[in-house]
Amino acid sequence: MPSEPPEGSRIQVKLDDLLHARRMTLTELAERIDITLANLSILKTGKAKAIRFSTLEAICREMGCQPGDLLGYEAETVEETGEA
């Protein structure tokens, strides 16, 4: 039986950093890409389980960035896996 993944996601959402760098509010971005503020907030806080490519594309278009600027991956460490 496969083990459960660790709590929390290893995918890091860097939307806050991008917004700050571009001096844009979450509300302004939500209006520009026609998404609810609540849904964008869920993404920003890292609580989203998925993101549609159309949403990712809209964010990248408005923020002038690439998907890799918005999303990152944090690899497991040896200590976390318990392997030597």
N, C-alpha and C. Protein backbone atom coordinates (compact mmCIF):
# COMPACT_ATOMS: atom_id res chain seq x y z
N MET A 1 0.84 -1.18 0.00
CA MET A 1 0.00 0.00 0.00
C MET A 1 0.89 1.25 0.00
N PRO A 2 0.69 2.20 -0.93
CA PRO A 2 1.55 3.39 -0.97
C PRO A 2 1.36 4.26 0.26
N SER A 3 2.46 4.89 0.69
CA SER A 3 2.36 5.77 1.85
C SER A 3 1.72 7.09 1.44
N GLU A 4 1.12 7.75 2.42
CA GLU A 4 0.49 9.05 2.18
C GLU A 4 1.56 10.10 1.96
N PRO A 5 1.32 11.05 1.07
CA PRO A 5 2.28 12.13 0.90
C PRO A 5 2.36 12.98 2.17
N PRO A 6 3.51 13.62 2.39
CA PRO A 6 3.61 14.46 3.59
C PRO A 6 2.61 15.60 3.55
N GLU A 7 2.25 16.11 4.72
CA GLU A 7 1.32 17.23 4.81
C GLU A 7 1.88 18.43 4.06
N GLY A 8 1.00 19.18 3.41
CA GLY A 8 1.44 20.37 2.69
C GLY A 8 2.00 20.02 1.33
N SER A 9 2.04 20.98 0.50
CA SER A 9 2.51 20.78 -0.86
C SER A 9 3.96 21.19 -0.98
N ARG A 10 4.68 20.53 -1.85
CA ARG A 10 6.06 20.89 -2.14
C ARG A 10 6.11 21.94 -3.25
N ILE A 11 4.96 22.22 -3.86
CA ILE A 11 4.88 23.28 -4.86
C ILE A 11 4.74 24.61 -4.13
N GLN A 12 5.63 25.52 -4.42
CA GLN A 12 5.63 26.84 -3.80
C GLN A 12 5.05 27.86 -4.78
N VAL A 13 4.08 28.63 -4.34
CA VAL A 13 3.47 29.68 -5.16
C VAL A 13 4.10 31.00 -4.76
N LYS A 14 4.71 31.69 -5.73
CA LYS A 14 5.44 32.93 -5.45
C LYS A 14 4.68 34.16 -5.95
N LEU A 15 3.35 34.08 -5.89
CA LEU A 15 2.51 35.17 -6.38
C LEU A 15 2.72 36.44 -5.56
N ASP A 16 2.87 36.30 -4.26
CA ASP A 16 3.07 37.46 -3.39
C ASP A 16 4.31 38.25 -3.82
N ASP A 17 5.39 37.53 -4.10
CA ASP A 17 6.64 38.19 -4.52
C ASP A 17 6.46 38.92 -5.85
N LEU A 18 5.75 38.28 -6.79
CA LEU A 18 5.52 38.90 -8.09
C LEU A 18 4.65 40.15 -7.96
N LEU A 19 3.62 40.06 -7.14
CA LEU A 19 2.74 41.22 -6.93
C LEU A 19 3.53 42.38 -6.33
N HIS A 20 4.34 42.08 -5.34
CA HIS A 20 5.14 43.12 -4.69
C HIS A 20 6.11 43.76 -5.68
N ALA A 21 6.79 42.95 -6.48
CA ALA A 21 7.76 43.45 -7.45
C ALA A 21 7.11 44.35 -8.50
N ARG A 22 5.85 44.06 -8.81
CA ARG A 22 5.15 44.83 -9.84
C ARG A 22 4.22 45.89 -9.25
N ARG A 23 4.27 46.04 -7.93
CA ARG A 23 3.44 47.03 -7.22
C ARG A 23 1.96 46.90 -7.62
N MET A 24 1.49 45.67 -7.58
CA MET A 24 0.11 45.36 -7.95
C MET A 24 -0.57 44.68 -6.77
N THR A 25 -1.84 44.98 -6.57
CA THR A 25 -2.59 44.33 -5.50
C THR A 25 -3.23 43.05 -6.02
N LEU A 26 -3.57 42.18 -5.09
CA LEU A 26 -4.27 40.95 -5.44
C LEU A 26 -5.62 41.28 -6.08
N THR A 27 -6.29 42.30 -5.55
CA THR A 27 -7.58 42.72 -6.09
C THR A 27 -7.43 43.18 -7.54
N GLU A 28 -6.41 43.97 -7.82
CA GLU A 28 -6.18 44.45 -9.18
C GLU A 28 -5.92 43.29 -10.14
N LEU A 29 -5.10 42.34 -9.72
CA LEU A 29 -4.83 41.18 -10.57
C LEU A 29 -6.10 40.37 -10.80
N ALA A 30 -6.89 40.16 -9.76
CA ALA A 30 -8.14 39.40 -9.88
C ALA A 30 -9.05 40.04 -10.91
N GLU A 31 -9.15 41.36 -10.87
CA GLU A 31 -10.00 42.07 -11.84
C GLU A 31 -9.46 41.94 -13.25
N ARG A 32 -8.14 42.05 -13.40
CA ARG A 32 -7.52 41.98 -14.74
C ARG A 32 -7.67 40.62 -15.40
N ILE A 33 -7.63 39.55 -14.60
CA ILE A 33 -7.71 38.21 -15.20
C ILE A 33 -9.09 37.58 -15.03
N ASP A 34 -10.03 38.35 -14.48
CA ASP A 34 -11.41 37.90 -14.33
C ASP A 34 -11.52 36.60 -13.54
N ILE A 35 -10.97 36.64 -12.33
CA ILE A 35 -11.07 35.52 -11.40
C ILE A 35 -11.50 36.11 -10.06
N THR A 36 -12.21 35.34 -9.26
CA THR A 36 -12.66 35.89 -7.97
C THR A 36 -11.46 36.12 -7.06
N LEU A 37 -11.57 37.13 -6.23
CA LEU A 37 -10.52 37.43 -5.27
C LEU A 37 -10.30 36.24 -4.34
N ALA A 38 -11.39 35.57 -3.96
CA ALA A 38 -11.29 34.41 -3.07
C ALA A 38 -10.45 33.30 -3.70
N ASN A 39 -10.71 33.00 -4.98
CA ASN A 39 -9.95 31.93 -5.64
C ASN A 39 -8.48 32.32 -5.82
N LEU A 40 -8.22 33.57 -6.14
CA LEU A 40 -6.83 34.01 -6.30
C LEU A 40 -6.12 33.99 -4.94
N SER A 41 -6.82 34.32 -3.89
CA SER A 41 -6.25 34.28 -2.55
C SER A 41 -5.87 32.85 -2.15
N ILE A 42 -6.71 31.89 -2.50
CA ILE A 42 -6.41 30.48 -2.23
C ILE A 42 -5.12 30.07 -2.93
N LEU A 43 -4.95 30.52 -4.15
CA LEU A 43 -3.73 30.23 -4.89
C LEU A 43 -2.53 30.90 -4.22
N LYS A 44 -2.68 32.16 -3.87
CA LYS A 44 -1.59 32.94 -3.27
C LYS A 44 -1.09 32.33 -1.97
N THR A 45 -2.01 31.80 -1.16
CA THR A 45 -1.63 31.25 0.14
C THR A 45 -1.13 29.80 0.04
N GLY A 46 -1.12 29.24 -1.17
CA GLY A 46 -0.61 27.88 -1.35
C GLY A 46 -1.61 26.81 -0.98
N LYS A 47 -2.86 27.17 -0.80
CA LYS A 47 -3.89 26.19 -0.41
C LYS A 47 -4.60 25.56 -1.60
N ALA A 48 -4.30 26.02 -2.81
CA ALA A 48 -4.95 25.47 -4.00
C ALA A 48 -4.42 24.06 -4.27
N LYS A 49 -5.30 23.18 -4.69
CA LYS A 49 -4.92 21.81 -5.04
C LYS A 49 -4.55 21.70 -6.52
N ALA A 50 -4.99 22.67 -7.32
CA ALA A 50 -4.74 22.65 -8.76
C ALA A 50 -4.87 24.07 -9.30
N ILE A 51 -4.36 24.25 -10.52
CA ILE A 51 -4.53 25.53 -11.21
C ILE A 51 -4.79 25.21 -12.68
N ARG A 52 -5.77 25.85 -13.26
CA ARG A 52 -6.06 25.66 -14.68
C ARG A 52 -4.98 26.35 -15.51
N PHE A 53 -4.65 25.75 -16.63
CA PHE A 53 -3.67 26.37 -17.52
C PHE A 53 -4.15 27.74 -17.98
N SER A 54 -5.46 27.89 -18.17
CA SER A 54 -5.98 29.19 -18.61
C SER A 54 -5.75 30.25 -17.53
N THR A 55 -5.86 29.87 -16.26
CA THR A 55 -5.58 30.80 -15.16
C THR A 55 -4.10 31.12 -15.09
N LEU A 56 -3.27 30.09 -15.22
CA LEU A 56 -1.82 30.27 -15.22
C LEU A 56 -1.39 31.18 -16.36
N GLU A 57 -1.97 30.95 -17.54
CA GLU A 57 -1.66 31.77 -18.70
C GLU A 57 -2.06 33.22 -18.47
N ALA A 58 -3.24 33.45 -17.90
CA ALA A 58 -3.72 34.81 -17.65
C ALA A 58 -2.83 35.53 -16.63
N ILE A 59 -2.42 34.82 -15.58
CA ILE A 59 -1.52 35.43 -14.59
C ILE A 59 -0.20 35.80 -15.25
N CYS A 60 0.37 34.88 -16.01
CA CYS A 60 1.65 35.15 -16.68
C CYS A 60 1.54 36.31 -17.66
N ARG A 61 0.43 36.39 -18.37
CA ARG A 61 0.23 37.49 -19.32
C ARG A 61 0.19 38.83 -18.59
N GLU A 62 -0.58 38.91 -17.52
CA GLU A 62 -0.74 40.17 -16.79
C GLU A 62 0.48 40.54 -15.97
N MET A 63 1.19 39.54 -15.48
CA MET A 63 2.36 39.81 -14.64
C MET A 63 3.65 39.89 -15.46
N GLY A 64 3.57 39.56 -16.75
CA GLY A 64 4.76 39.58 -17.60
C GLY A 64 5.81 38.61 -17.11
N CYS A 65 5.38 37.39 -16.81
CA CYS A 65 6.30 36.40 -16.25
C CYS A 65 6.12 35.05 -16.94
N GLN A 66 6.94 34.10 -16.57
CA GLN A 66 6.87 32.72 -17.03
C GLN A 66 6.29 31.87 -15.88
N PRO A 67 5.70 30.70 -16.19
CA PRO A 67 5.16 29.84 -15.12
C PRO A 67 6.19 29.53 -14.03
N GLY A 68 7.45 29.38 -14.41
CA GLY A 68 8.50 29.10 -13.43
C GLY A 68 8.77 30.26 -12.49
N ASP A 69 8.38 31.46 -12.89
CA ASP A 69 8.52 32.62 -12.00
C ASP A 69 7.45 32.59 -10.92
N LEU A 70 6.35 31.95 -11.21
CA LEU A 70 5.20 31.90 -10.31
C LEU A 70 5.21 30.67 -9.41
N LEU A 71 5.71 29.55 -9.94
CA LEU A 71 5.69 28.28 -9.22
C LEU A 71 7.09 27.74 -9.03
N GLY A 72 7.33 27.14 -7.88
CA GLY A 72 8.59 26.48 -7.60
C GLY A 72 8.34 25.13 -6.98
N TYR A 73 9.37 24.32 -6.92
CA TYR A 73 9.26 22.98 -6.33
C TYR A 73 10.34 22.81 -5.28
N GLU A 74 9.92 22.35 -4.10
CA GLU A 74 10.85 22.11 -3.00
C GLU A 74 11.03 20.60 -2.87
N ALA A 75 12.23 20.12 -3.18
CA ALA A 75 12.51 18.69 -3.14
C ALA A 75 12.60 18.18 -1.71
N GLU A 76 12.33 16.89 -1.54
CA GLU A 76 12.47 16.26 -0.23
C GLU A 76 13.95 16.19 0.15
N THR A 77 14.21 16.29 1.42
CA THR A 77 15.59 16.09 1.90
C THR A 77 15.74 14.67 2.40
N VAL A 78 16.96 14.21 2.57
CA VAL A 78 17.21 12.87 3.05
C VAL A 78 16.58 12.68 4.43
N GLU A 79 16.63 13.70 5.30
CA GLU A 79 16.04 13.59 6.62
C GLU A 79 14.54 13.35 6.56
N GLU A 80 13.87 13.99 5.59
CA GLU A 80 12.42 13.84 5.47
C GLU A 80 12.02 12.45 5.00
N THR A 81 12.84 11.84 4.14
CA THR A 81 12.49 10.53 3.61
C THR A 81 12.90 9.40 4.54
N GLY A 82 13.86 9.69 5.45
CA GLY A 82 14.35 8.66 6.35
C GLY A 82 15.33 7.72 5.67
N GLU A 83 15.75 8.04 4.45
CA GLU A 83 16.69 7.20 3.71
C GLU A 83 18.11 7.74 3.91
N ALA A 84 19.06 6.83 3.81
CA ALA A 84 20.47 7.24 3.95
C ALA A 84 21.17 7.23 2.63
